[in-house]
């Protein structure tokens, strides 16, 4: 059970960085983005060594859903928003 909690924490950190990036609140050039991703990856790596994989399933499913949401919001044929 402990390893499941650690794997979910690692997945949460990676998804947090990705979600903040998608919302425009944190960009990949910020150090915090890399640190959050690194901590999440290290937690998942440690759990993978122990061979518990629930976190990997969560990451892949959520990553796909979070990637589709902005595409659906824009709709087919929509132009990207202009940046200022």
Foldseek 3Di string as FASTA:
>chain_A
DVLVVLLQQLLVLLVVLVVCVLVVNDHPVDPSSVVSNVSSVVSNVVSVVVPDCPSVVVNVVVVVVSVVVVVVVQPPPRDDDDDD
